[in-house]
Amino acid sequence: KNTRDEDVYIEEPCASYKENLLIRKYCDNPFIMDECIDSINQLIQANNDFGADCVNVKISKLGGITKAKEVRDLCIRLNIAMC
């Protein structure tokens, strides 16, 4: 809540998806998911949980360019920003 009046994004402050989701529920700032988005299924889960305003698409974390493209395409369809 100390960041409520600050014009900042919060980028994945915890190691696990569940911990980040808990922080997200108490945070009014835009939230970026990063390392925990490691598959299409995790992106779908984050979307269903309203877990991210933005996703950092990392080619190596996703297992290559083809998987990263799939995640990018789904982000576009779900209207999730990418950074």
PDB file of N, CA and C in Angstrom:
ATOM      1  N   LYS A   1       0.811  -1.199   0.000  1.00  0.00           N
ATOM      2  CA  LYS A   1       0.000   0.000   0.000  1.00  0.00           C
ATOM      3  C   LYS A   1       0.850   1.258   0.000  1.00  0.00           C
ATOM      4  N   ASN A   2       2.114   1.123   0.353  1.00  0.00           N
ATOM      5  CA  ASN A   2       2.992   2.289   0.366  1.00  0.00           C
ATOM      6  C   ASN A   2       3.300   2.790  -1.037  1.00  0.00           C
ATOM      7  N   THR A   3       3.033   1.996  -2.042  1.00  0.00           N
ATOM      8  CA  THR A   3       3.307   2.404  -3.425  1.00  0.00           C
ATOM      9  C   THR A   3       2.063   2.923  -4.139  1.00  0.00           C
ATOM     10  N   ARG A   4       0.944   2.941  -3.470  1.00  0.00           N
ATOM     11  CA  ARG A   4      -0.338   3.308  -4.093  1.00  0.00           C
ATOM     12  C   ARG A   4      -0.269   4.642  -4.828  1.00  0.00           C
ATOM     13  N   ASP A   5       0.381   5.623  -4.249  1.00  0.00           N
ATOM     14  CA  ASP A   5       0.429   6.954  -4.852  1.00  0.00           C
ATOM     15  C   ASP A   5       1.656   7.160  -5.742  1.00  0.00           C
ATOM     16  N   GLU A   6       2.423   6.128  -5.933  1.00  0.00           N
ATOM     17  CA  GLU A   6       3.621   6.206  -6.772  1.00  0.00           C
ATOM     18  C   GLU A   6       3.293   5.723  -8.179  1.00  0.00           C
ATOM     19  N   ASP A   7       3.865   6.377  -9.160  1.00  0.00           N
ATOM     20  CA  ASP A   7       3.653   6.006 -10.558  1.00  0.00           C
ATOM     21  C   ASP A   7       4.722   4.985 -10.967  1.00  0.00           C
ATOM     22  N   VAL A   8       4.570   3.759 -10.460  1.00  0.00           N
ATOM     23  CA  VAL A   8       5.550   2.703 -10.724  1.00  0.00           C
ATOM     24  C   VAL A   8       4.839   1.388 -11.025  1.00  0.00           C
ATOM     25  N   TYR A   9       5.539   0.541 -11.772  1.00  0.00           N
ATOM     26  CA  TYR A   9       5.115  -0.834 -11.965  1.00  0.00           C
ATOM     27  C   TYR A   9       5.808  -1.685 -10.908  1.00  0.00           C
ATOM     28  N   ILE A  10       5.163  -2.727 -10.480  1.00  0.00           N
ATOM     29  CA  ILE A  10       5.772  -3.693  -9.567  1.00  0.00           C
ATOM     30  C   ILE A  10       6.138  -4.913 -10.402  1.00  0.00           C
ATOM     31  N   GLU A  11       7.423  -5.270 -10.411  1.00  0.00           N
ATOM     32  CA  GLU A  11       7.867  -6.405 -11.213  1.00  0.00           C
ATOM     33  C   GLU A  11       8.230  -7.576 -10.321  1.00  0.00           C
ATOM     34  N   GLU A  12       7.370  -8.563 -10.314  1.00  0.00           N
ATOM     35  CA  GLU A  12       7.577  -9.865  -9.698  1.00  0.00           C
ATOM     36  C   GLU A  12       8.515  -9.833  -8.486  1.00  0.00           C
ATOM     37  N   PRO A  13       8.021  -9.378  -7.349  1.00  0.00           N
ATOM     38  CA  PRO A  13       8.883  -9.241  -6.186  1.00  0.00           C
ATOM     39  C   PRO A  13       9.222 -10.550  -5.468  1.00  0.00           C
ATOM     40  N   CYS A  14       8.539 -11.631  -5.787  1.00  0.00           N
ATOM     41  CA  CYS A  14       8.740 -12.902  -5.084  1.00  0.00           C
ATOM     42  C   CYS A  14       9.187 -14.002  -6.044  1.00  0.00           C
ATOM     43  N   ALA A  15       9.658 -15.105  -5.485  1.00  0.00           N
ATOM     44  CA  ALA A  15      10.193 -16.207  -6.290  1.00  0.00           C
ATOM     45  C   ALA A  15       9.104 -17.066  -6.941  1.00  0.00           C
ATOM     46  N   SER A  16       7.997 -17.270  -6.258  1.00  0.00           N
ATOM     47  CA  SER A  16       6.989 -18.192  -6.800  1.00  0.00           C
ATOM     48  C   SER A  16       5.773 -17.445  -7.339  1.00  0.00           C
ATOM     49  N   TYR A  17       5.065 -18.104  -8.241  1.00  0.00           N
ATOM     50  CA  TYR A  17       3.846 -17.528  -8.800  1.00  0.00           C
ATOM     51  C   TYR A  17       2.831 -17.245  -7.694  1.00  0.00           C
ATOM     52  N   LYS A  18       2.640 -18.203  -6.799  1.00  0.00           N
ATOM     53  CA  LYS A  18       1.637 -18.040  -5.740  1.00  0.00           C
ATOM     54  C   LYS A  18       1.959 -16.862  -4.823  1.00  0.00           C
ATOM     55  N   GLU A  19       3.233 -16.675  -4.502  1.00  0.00           N
ATOM     56  CA  GLU A  19       3.623 -15.535  -3.677  1.00  0.00           C
ATOM     57  C   GLU A  19       3.369 -14.217  -4.409  1.00  0.00           C
ATOM     58  N   ASN A  20       3.719 -14.180  -5.684  1.00  0.00           N
ATOM     59  CA  ASN A  20       3.476 -12.974  -6.477  1.00  0.00           C
ATOM     60  C   ASN A  20       1.994 -12.669  -6.584  1.00  0.00           C
ATOM     61  N   LEU A  21       1.194 -13.698  -6.761  1.00  0.00           N
ATOM     62  CA  LEU A  21      -0.250 -13.499  -6.868  1.00  0.00           C
ATOM     63  C   LEU A  21      -0.814 -12.919  -5.568  1.00  0.00           C
ATOM     64  N   LEU A  22      -0.299 -13.368  -4.443  1.00  0.00           N
ATOM     65  CA  LEU A  22      -0.738 -12.836  -3.155  1.00  0.00           C
ATOM     66  C   LEU A  22      -0.398 -11.345  -3.044  1.00  0.00           C
ATOM     67  N   ILE A  23       0.816 -10.972  -3.432  1.00  0.00           N
ATOM     68  CA  ILE A  23       1.209  -9.564  -3.423  1.00  0.00           C
ATOM     69  C   ILE A  23       0.314  -8.769  -4.371  1.00  0.00           C
ATOM     70  N   ARG A  24       0.056  -9.331  -5.548  1.00  0.00           N
ATOM     71  CA  ARG A  24      -0.759  -8.678  -6.576  1.00  0.00           C
ATOM     72  C   ARG A  24      -2.135  -8.315  -6.046  1.00  0.00           C
ATOM     73  N   LYS A  25      -2.700  -9.200  -5.246  1.00  0.00           N
ATOM     74  CA  LYS A  25      -4.055  -8.967  -4.730  1.00  0.00           C
ATOM     75  C   LYS A  25      -4.128  -7.773  -3.790  1.00  0.00           C
ATOM     76  N   TYR A  26      -2.984  -7.395  -3.220  1.00  0.00           N
ATOM     77  CA  TYR A  26      -2.948  -6.264  -2.292  1.00  0.00           C
ATOM     78  C   TYR A  26      -2.283  -5.033  -2.888  1.00  0.00           C
ATOM     79  N   CYS A  27      -1.994  -5.076  -4.157  1.00  0.00           N
ATOM     80  CA  CYS A  27      -1.242  -4.001  -4.806  1.00  0.00           C
ATOM     81  C   CYS A  27      -2.102  -3.335  -5.872  1.00  0.00           C
ATOM     82  N   ASP A  28      -2.192  -2.024  -5.813  1.00  0.00           N
ATOM     83  CA  ASP A  28      -2.969  -1.278  -6.800  1.00  0.00           C
ATOM     84  C   ASP A  28      -2.147  -0.888  -8.028  1.00  0.00           C
ATOM     85  N   ASN A  29      -0.831  -1.003  -7.918  1.00  0.00           N
ATOM     86  CA  ASN A  29       0.042  -0.627  -9.033  1.00  0.00           C
ATOM     87  C   ASN A  29      -0.004  -1.676 -10.134  1.00  0.00           C
ATOM     88  N   PRO A  30       0.283  -1.278 -11.355  1.00  0.00           N
ATOM     89  CA  PRO A  30       0.390  -2.263 -12.435  1.00  0.00           C
ATOM     90  C   PRO A  30       1.459  -3.302 -12.079  1.00  0.00           C
ATOM     91  N   PHE A  31       1.186  -4.550 -12.405  1.00  0.00           N
ATOM     92  CA  PHE A  31       2.030  -5.670 -11.972  1.00  0.00           C
ATOM     93  C   PHE A  31       2.593  -6.407 -13.181  1.00  0.00           C
ATOM     94  N   ILE A  32       3.891  -6.625 -13.177  1.00  0.00           N
ATOM     95  CA  ILE A  32       4.571  -7.346 -14.258  1.00  0.00           C
ATOM     96  C   ILE A  32       4.951  -8.733 -13.771  1.00  0.00           C
ATOM     97  N   MET A  33       4.539  -9.754 -14.505  1.00  0.00           N
ATOM     98  CA  MET A  33       5.010 -11.114 -14.244  1.00  0.00           C
ATOM     99  C   MET A  33       6.191 -11.361 -15.167  1.00  0.00           C
ATOM    100  N   ASP A  34       7.193 -12.031 -14.634  1.00  0.00           N
ATOM    101  CA  ASP A  34       8.455 -12.165 -15.339  1.00  0.00           C
ATOM    102  C   ASP A  34       8.886 -13.633 -15.350  1.00  0.00           C
ATOM    103  N   GLU A  35       9.734 -14.014 -14.437  1.00  0.00           N
ATOM    104  CA  GLU A  35      10.300 -15.360 -14.409  1.00  0.00           C
ATOM    105  C   GLU A  35       9.252 -16.451 -14.205  1.00  0.00           C
ATOM    106  N   CYS A  36       8.152 -16.142 -13.534  1.00  0.00           N
ATOM    107  CA  CYS A  36       7.163 -17.208 -13.307  1.00  0.00           C
ATOM    108  C   CYS A  36       6.312 -17.543 -14.506  1.00  0.00           C
ATOM    109  N   ILE A  37       6.363 -16.740 -15.537  1.00  0.00           N
ATOM    110  CA  ILE A  37       5.640 -17.093 -16.764  1.00  0.00           C
ATOM    111  C   ILE A  37       6.602 -17.903 -17.625  1.00  0.00           C
ATOM    112  N   ASP A  38       6.500 -19.224 -17.460  1.00  0.00           N
ATOM    113  CA  ASP A  38       7.435 -20.124 -18.137  1.00  0.00           C
ATOM    114  C   ASP A  38       6.747 -21.089 -19.098  1.00  0.00           C
ATOM    115  N   SER A  39       5.440 -20.838 -19.348  1.00  0.00           N
ATOM    116  CA  SER A  39       4.693 -21.708 -20.276  1.00  0.00           C
ATOM    117  C   SER A  39       3.377 -21.030 -20.659  1.00  0.00           C
ATOM    118  N   ILE A  40       2.770 -21.561 -21.689  1.00  0.00           N
ATOM    119  CA  ILE A  40       1.428 -21.102 -22.094  1.00  0.00           C
ATOM    120  C   ILE A  40       0.441 -21.316 -20.950  1.00  0.00           C
ATOM    121  N   ASN A  41       0.521 -22.477 -20.315  1.00  0.00           N
ATOM    122  CA  ASN A  41      -0.411 -22.781 -19.224  1.00  0.00           C
ATOM    123  C   ASN A  41      -0.281 -21.787 -18.078  1.00  0.00           C
ATOM    124  N   GLN A  42       0.958 -21.383 -17.768  1.00  0.00           N
ATOM    125  CA  GLN A  42       1.148 -20.414 -16.689  1.00  0.00           C
ATOM    126  C   GLN A  42       0.600 -19.043 -17.085  1.00  0.00           C
ATOM    127  N   LEU A  43       0.734 -18.686 -18.343  1.00  0.00           N
ATOM    128  CA  LEU A  43       0.157 -17.422 -18.824  1.00  0.00           C
ATOM    129  C   LEU A  43      -1.367 -17.467 -18.725  1.00  0.00           C
ATOM    130  N   ILE A  44      -1.963 -18.569 -19.108  1.00  0.00           N
ATOM    131  CA  ILE A  44      -3.421 -18.720 -19.005  1.00  0.00           C
ATOM    132  C   ILE A  44      -3.854 -18.612 -17.551  1.00  0.00           C
ATOM    133  N   GLN A  45      -3.104 -19.256 -16.653  1.00  0.00           N
ATOM    134  CA  GLN A  45      -3.424 -19.181 -15.225  1.00  0.00           C
ATOM    135  C   GLN A  45      -3.326 -17.744 -14.724  1.00  0.00           C
ATOM    136  N   ALA A  46      -2.264 -17.048 -15.113  1.00  0.00           N
ATOM    137  CA  ALA A  46      -2.102 -15.645 -14.697  1.00  0.00           C
ATOM    138  C   ALA A  46      -3.252 -14.793 -15.214  1.00  0.00           C
ATOM    139  N   ASN A  47      -3.679 -15.046 -16.429  1.00  0.00           N
ATOM    140  CA  ASN A  47      -4.809 -14.305 -16.984  1.00  0.00           C
ATOM    141  C   ASN A  47      -6.088 -14.605 -16.199  1.00  0.00           C
ATOM    142  N   ASN A  48      -6.328 -15.859 -15.917  1.00  0.00           N
ATOM    143  CA  ASN A  48      -7.525 -16.247 -15.160  1.00  0.00           C
ATOM    144  C   ASN A  48      -7.524 -15.676 -13.747  1.00  0.00           C
ATOM    145  N   ASP A  49      -6.327 -15.554 -13.158  1.00  0.00           N
ATOM    146  CA  ASP A  49      -6.187 -15.037 -11.795  1.00  0.00           C
ATOM    147  C   ASP A  49      -6.086 -13.513 -11.743  1.00  0.00           C
ATOM    148  N   PHE A  50      -6.143 -12.848 -12.905  1.00  0.00           N
ATOM    149  CA  PHE A  50      -5.887 -11.403 -12.977  1.00  0.00           C
ATOM    150  C   PHE A  50      -4.541 -11.084 -12.322  1.00  0.00           C
ATOM    151  N   GLY A  51      -3.546 -11.936 -12.630  1.00  0.00           N
ATOM    152  CA  GLY A  51      -2.252 -11.870 -11.965  1.00  0.00           C
ATOM    153  C   GLY A  51      -1.263 -10.899 -12.554  1.00  0.00           C
ATOM    154  N   ALA A  52      -1.510 -10.386 -13.749  1.00  0.00           N
ATOM    155  CA  ALA A  52      -0.510  -9.512 -14.362  1.00  0.00           C
ATOM    156  C   ALA A  52      -1.162  -8.498 -15.289  1.00  0.00           C
ATOM    157  N   ASP A  53      -0.614  -7.307 -15.273  1.00  0.00           N
ATOM    158  CA  ASP A  53      -0.991  -6.284 -16.250  1.00  0.00           C
ATOM    159  C   ASP A  53      -0.053  -6.334 -17.442  1.00  0.00           C
ATOM    160  N   CYS A  54       1.108  -6.902 -17.208  1.00  0.00           N
ATOM    161  CA  CYS A  54       2.143  -6.957 -18.228  1.00  0.00           C
ATOM    162  C   CYS A  54       2.969  -8.233 -18.010  1.00  0.00           C
ATOM    163  N   VAL A  55       3.449  -8.806 -19.096  1.00  0.00           N
ATOM    164  CA  VAL A  55       4.277 -10.004 -19.022  1.00  0.00           C
ATOM    165  C   VAL A  55       5.592  -9.730 -19.732  1.00  0.00           C
ATOM    166  N   ASN A  56       6.667 -10.121 -19.083  1.00  0.00           N
ATOM    167  CA  ASN A  56       7.983 -10.021 -19.683  1.00  0.00           C
ATOM    168  C   ASN A  56       8.253 -11.351 -20.383  1.00  0.00           C
ATOM    169  N   VAL A  57       8.223 -11.366 -21.697  1.00  0.00           N
ATOM    170  CA  VAL A  57       8.397 -12.594 -22.483  1.00  0.00           C
ATOM    171  C   VAL A  57       9.886 -12.863 -22.641  1.00  0.00           C
ATOM    172  N   LYS A  58      10.341 -13.945 -22.026  1.00  0.00           N
ATOM    173  CA  LYS A  58      11.765 -14.312 -22.068  1.00  0.00           C
ATOM    174  C   LYS A  58      11.933 -15.578 -22.888  1.00  0.00           C
ATOM    175  N   ILE A  59      12.630 -15.459 -23.992  1.00  0.00           N
ATOM    176  CA  ILE A  59      12.794 -16.575 -24.932  1.00  0.00           C
ATOM    177  C   ILE A  59      13.410 -17.784 -24.250  1.00  0.00           C
ATOM    178  N   SER A  60      14.498 -17.585 -23.530  1.00  0.00           N
ATOM    179  CA  SER A  60      15.183 -18.734 -22.923  1.00  0.00           C
ATOM    180  C   SER A  60      14.342 -19.384 -21.833  1.00  0.00           C
ATOM    181  N   LYS A  61      13.641 -18.605 -21.067  1.00  0.00           N
ATOM    182  CA  LYS A  61      12.795 -19.143 -19.991  1.00  0.00           C
ATOM    183  C   LYS A  61      11.638 -19.969 -20.557  1.00  0.00           C
ATOM    184  N   LEU A  62      11.156 -19.582 -21.720  1.00  0.00           N
ATOM    185  CA  LEU A  62      10.026 -20.273 -22.340  1.00  0.00           C
ATOM    186  C   LEU A  62      10.448 -21.471 -23.180  1.00  0.00           C
ATOM    187  N   GLY A  63      11.741 -21.641 -23.400  1.00  0.00           N
ATOM    188  CA  GLY A  63      12.206 -22.816 -24.128  1.00  0.00           C
ATOM    189  C   GLY A  63      12.442 -22.579 -25.607  1.00  0.00           C
ATOM    190  N   GLY A  64      12.612 -21.330 -26.007  1.00  0.00           N
ATOM    191  CA  GLY A  64      12.943 -21.066 -27.398  1.00  0.00           C
ATOM    192  C   GLY A  64      12.003 -20.082 -28.064  1.00  0.00           C
ATOM    193  N   ILE A  65      12.364 -19.744 -29.279  1.00  0.00           N
ATOM    194  CA  ILE A  65      11.645 -18.713 -30.030  1.00  0.00           C
ATOM    195  C   ILE A  65      10.216 -19.126 -30.382  1.00  0.00           C
ATOM    196  N   THR A  66      10.016 -20.400 -30.685  1.00  0.00           N
ATOM    197  CA  THR A  66       8.663 -20.864 -31.054  1.00  0.00           C
ATOM    198  C   THR A  66       7.708 -20.740 -29.873  1.00  0.00           C
ATOM    199  N   LYS A  67       8.139 -21.186 -28.706  1.00  0.00           N
ATOM    200  CA  LYS A  67       7.289 -21.084 -27.508  1.00  0.00           C
ATOM    201  C   LYS A  67       7.069 -19.617 -27.136  1.00  0.00           C
ATOM    202  N   ALA A  68       8.110 -18.800 -27.261  1.00  0.00           N
ATOM    203  CA  ALA A  68       7.969 -17.371 -26.963  1.00  0.00           C
ATOM    204  C   ALA A  68       6.961 -16.727 -27.908  1.00  0.00           C
ATOM    205  N   LYS A  69       6.975 -17.116 -29.176  1.00  0.00           N
ATOM    206  CA  LYS A  69       6.010 -16.587 -30.146  1.00  0.00           C
ATOM    207  C   LYS A  69       4.592 -16.989 -29.759  1.00  0.00           C
ATOM    208  N   GLU A  70       4.417 -18.225 -29.306  1.00  0.00           N
ATOM    209  CA  GLU A  70       3.101 -18.680 -28.876  1.00  0.00           C
ATOM    210  C   GLU A  70       2.597 -17.848 -27.690  1.00  0.00           C
ATOM    211  N   VAL A  71       3.490 -17.579 -26.745  1.00  0.00           N
ATOM    212  CA  VAL A  71       3.121 -16.754 -25.594  1.00  0.00           C
ATOM    213  C   VAL A  71       2.795 -15.335 -26.058  1.00  0.00           C
ATOM    214  N   ARG A  72       3.621 -14.792 -26.945  1.00  0.00           N
ATOM    215  CA  ARG A  72       3.355 -13.447 -27.489  1.00  0.00           C
ATOM    216  C   ARG A  72       2.002 -13.386 -28.163  1.00  0.00           C
ATOM    217  N   ASP A  73       1.711 -14.376 -28.995  1.00  0.00           N
ATOM    218  CA  ASP A  73       0.436 -14.401 -29.715  1.00  0.00           C
ATOM    219  C   ASP A  73      -0.744 -14.476 -28.747  1.00  0.00           C
ATOM    220  N   LEU A  74      -0.602 -15.276 -27.696  1.00  0.00           N
ATOM    221  CA  LEU A  74      -1.682 -15.382 -26.715  1.00  0.00           C
ATOM    222  C   LEU A  74      -1.835 -14.079 -25.927  1.00  0.00           C
ATOM    223  N   CYS A  75      -0.720 -13.446 -25.594  1.00  0.00           N
ATOM    224  CA  CYS A  75      -0.801 -12.136 -24.921  1.00  0.00           C
ATOM    225  C   CYS A  75      -1.592 -11.149 -25.774  1.00  0.00           C
ATOM    226  N   ILE A  76      -1.336 -11.155 -27.056  1.00  0.00           N
ATOM    227  CA  ILE A  76      -2.064 -10.255 -27.963  1.00  0.00           C
ATOM    228  C   ILE A  76      -3.556 -10.572 -27.936  1.00  0.00           C
ATOM    229  N   ARG A  77      -3.899 -11.849 -28.030  1.00  0.00           N
ATOM    230  CA  ARG A  77      -5.312 -12.242 -28.017  1.00  0.00           C
ATOM    231  C   ARG A  77      -6.000 -11.905 -26.698  1.00  0.00           C
ATOM    232  N   LEU A  78      -5.242 -12.031 -25.585  1.00  0.00           N
ATOM    233  CA  LEU A  78      -5.825 -11.764 -24.266  1.00  0.00           C
ATOM    234  C   LEU A  78      -5.705 -10.297 -23.843  1.00  0.00           C
ATOM    235  N   ASN A  79      -5.092  -9.487 -24.711  1.00  0.00           N
ATOM    236  CA  ASN A  79      -4.886  -8.065 -24.434  1.00  0.00           C
ATOM    237  C   ASN A  79      -4.029  -7.846 -23.181  1.00  0.00           C
ATOM    238  N   ILE A  80      -2.990  -8.675 -23.050  1.00  0.00           N
ATOM    239  CA  ILE A  80      -2.010  -8.519 -21.971  1.00  0.00           C
ATOM    240  C   ILE A  80      -0.791  -7.819 -22.563  1.00  0.00           C
ATOM    241  N   ALA A  81      -0.403  -6.720 -21.942  1.00  0.00           N
ATOM    242  CA  ALA A  81       0.770  -5.979 -22.424  1.00  0.00           C
ATOM    243  C   ALA A  81       2.033  -6.815 -22.237  1.00  0.00           C
ATOM    244  N   MET A  82       3.016  -6.550 -23.075  1.00  0.00           N
ATOM    245  CA  MET A  82       4.304  -7.236 -22.985  1.00  0.00           C
ATOM    246  C   MET A  82       5.407  -6.204 -22.853  1.00  0.00           C
ATOM    247  N   CYS A  83       6.458  -6.607 -22.172  1.00  0.00           N
ATOM    248  CA  CYS A  83       7.612  -5.711 -22.023  1.00  0.00           C
ATOM    249  C   CYS A  83       8.887  -6.518 -22.143  1.00  0.00           C
TER     250      CYS A  83
END
